[in-house]
Amino acid sequence: MNLLKKAAISLAATSMIAAPVAASAAPAARAASAVEGQSELEGSGWIIAIIALAAIIGGIIIASDNNDDSPTSP
């Protein structure tokens, strides 16, 4: 690799590391707004977690299937 290509890769890697750090260090300029009512989804995090867990377990079961399917043609 030539020097220009190495410098470009180095700059890209540095910017990928520095961007999230700079964004998290930026002061929050947003003001809080008034909320009329409570969220209807409050407290339903465990339902989403159970559904995600069931999907993961189902995917593992499907992926680990023995696949002893014999062809129907002779």
C-alpha atoms as a PDB file:
ATOM      1  CA  MET A   1       0.000   0.000   0.000  1.00  0.00           C
ATOM      2  CA  ASN A   2       1.226   3.433  -0.700  1.00  0.00           C
ATOM      3  CA  LEU A   3       1.475   6.186   1.901  1.00  0.00           C
ATOM      4  CA  LEU A   4      -1.669   8.028   0.736  1.00  0.00           C
ATOM      5  CA  LYS A   5      -3.839   4.912   1.072  1.00  0.00           C
ATOM      6  CA  LYS A   6      -2.473   4.200   4.560  1.00  0.00           C
ATOM      7  CA  ALA A   7      -3.124   7.799   5.588  1.00  0.00           C
ATOM      8  CA  ALA A   8      -6.709   7.627   4.285  1.00  0.00           C
ATOM      9  CA  ILE A   9      -7.380   4.395   6.195  1.00  0.00           C
ATOM     10  CA  SER A  10      -5.832   5.881   9.326  1.00  0.00           C
ATOM     11  CA  LEU A  11      -7.974   9.029   9.030  1.00  0.00           C
ATOM     12  CA  ALA A  12     -11.139   6.956   8.516  1.00  0.00           C
ATOM     13  CA  ALA A  13     -10.410   4.801  11.550  1.00  0.00           C
ATOM     14  CA  THR A  14      -9.645   7.834  13.702  1.00  0.00           C
ATOM     15  CA  SER A  15     -12.841   9.579  12.663  1.00  0.00           C
ATOM     16  CA  MET A  16     -14.884   6.449  13.404  1.00  0.00           C
ATOM     17  CA  ILE A  17     -13.452   6.403  16.923  1.00  0.00           C
ATOM     18  CA  ALA A  18     -13.643  10.149  17.554  1.00  0.00           C
ATOM     19  CA  ALA A  19     -17.161  10.853  16.242  1.00  0.00           C
ATOM     20  CA  PRO A  20     -19.143   9.099  19.010  1.00  0.00           C
ATOM     21  CA  VAL A  21     -16.871  10.555  21.691  1.00  0.00           C
ATOM     22  CA  ALA A  22     -17.341  14.076  20.354  1.00  0.00           C
ATOM     23  CA  ALA A  23     -21.097  13.592  20.058  1.00  0.00           C
ATOM     24  CA  SER A  24     -21.441  12.373  23.626  1.00  0.00           C
ATOM     25  CA  ALA A  25     -19.342  15.264  24.946  1.00  0.00           C
ATOM     26  CA  ALA A  26     -21.495  17.885  23.203  1.00  0.00           C
ATOM     27  CA  PRO A  27     -23.781  19.819  25.560  1.00  0.00           C
ATOM     28  CA  ALA A  28     -27.475  19.084  25.283  1.00  0.00           C
ATOM     29  CA  ALA A  29     -29.179  22.108  23.763  1.00  0.00           C
ATOM     30  CA  ARG A  30     -32.685  20.669  23.828  1.00  0.00           C
ATOM     31  CA  ALA A  31     -35.193  21.833  26.377  1.00  0.00           C
ATOM     32  CA  ALA A  32     -37.632  19.438  27.971  1.00  0.00           C
ATOM     33  CA  SER A  33     -41.187  19.726  26.755  1.00  0.00           C
ATOM     34  CA  ALA A  34     -44.316  19.290  28.807  1.00  0.00           C
ATOM     35  CA  VAL A  35     -46.044  15.923  28.555  1.00  0.00           C
ATOM     36  CA  GLU A  36     -49.807  15.714  28.830  1.00  0.00           C
ATOM     37  CA  GLY A  37     -50.200  12.038  29.704  1.00  0.00           C
ATOM     38  CA  GLN A  38     -48.142   9.028  30.498  1.00  0.00           C
ATOM     39  CA  SER A  39     -46.830   6.670  27.878  1.00  0.00           C
ATOM     40  CA  GLU A  40     -49.060   3.685  27.247  1.00  0.00           C
ATOM     41  CA  LEU A  41     -45.990   1.509  26.601  1.00  0.00           C
ATOM     42  CA  GLU A  42     -44.578   2.066  30.069  1.00  0.00           C
ATOM     43  CA  GLY A  43     -43.770  -1.180  31.803  1.00  0.00           C
ATOM     44  CA  SER A  44     -44.048  -3.345  28.694  1.00  0.00           C
ATOM     45  CA  GLY A  45     -40.312  -3.882  28.410  1.00  0.00           C
ATOM     46  CA  TRP A  46     -40.557  -7.365  29.847  1.00  0.00           C
ATOM     47  CA  ILE A  47     -43.060  -8.358  27.146  1.00  0.00           C
ATOM     48  CA  ILE A  48     -40.654  -7.272  24.432  1.00  0.00           C
ATOM     49  CA  ALA A  49     -37.833  -9.143  26.173  1.00  0.00           C
ATOM     50  CA  ILE A  50     -39.898 -12.353  26.323  1.00  0.00           C
ATOM     51  CA  ILE A  51     -40.803 -12.074  22.639  1.00  0.00           C
ATOM     52  CA  ALA A  52     -37.151 -11.472  21.722  1.00  0.00           C
ATOM     53  CA  LEU A  53     -36.052 -14.432  23.844  1.00  0.00           C
ATOM     54  CA  ALA A  54     -38.654 -16.677  22.195  1.00  0.00           C
ATOM     55  CA  ALA A  55     -37.471 -15.553  18.753  1.00  0.00           C
ATOM     56  CA  ILE A  56     -33.853 -16.287  19.633  1.00  0.00           C
ATOM     57  CA  ILE A  57     -34.704 -19.734  21.032  1.00  0.00           C
ATOM     58  CA  GLY A  58     -36.828 -20.496  17.965  1.00  0.00           C
ATOM     59  CA  GLY A  59     -33.985 -19.479  15.674  1.00  0.00           C
ATOM     60  CA  ILE A  60     -31.557 -21.716  17.535  1.00  0.00           C
ATOM     61  CA  ILE A  61     -33.953 -24.657  17.318  1.00  0.00           C
ATOM     62  CA  ILE A  62     -34.480 -24.129  13.585  1.00  0.00           C
ATOM     63  CA  ALA A  63     -30.745 -23.709  12.944  1.00  0.00           C
ATOM     64  CA  SER A  64     -29.814 -26.820  14.910  1.00  0.00           C
ATOM     65  CA  ASP A  65     -32.393 -29.006  13.190  1.00  0.00           C
ATOM     66  CA  ASN A  66     -30.902 -32.362  12.217  1.00  0.00           C
ATOM     67  CA  ASN A  67     -31.892 -31.988   8.532  1.00  0.00           C
ATOM     68  CA  ASP A  68     -32.329 -35.716   7.904  1.00  0.00           C
ATOM     69  CA  ASP A  69     -34.653 -34.938   5.021  1.00  0.00           C
ATOM     70  CA  SER A  70     -34.390 -37.663   2.402  1.00  0.00           C
ATOM     71  CA  PRO A  71     -35.015 -36.745  -1.201  1.00  0.00           C
ATOM     72  CA  THR A  72     -38.341 -37.951  -2.556  1.00  0.00           C
ATOM     73  CA  SER A  73     -36.905 -38.950  -5.933  1.00  0.00           C
ATOM     74  CA  PRO A  74     -35.102 -42.294  -6.218  1.00  0.00           C
END
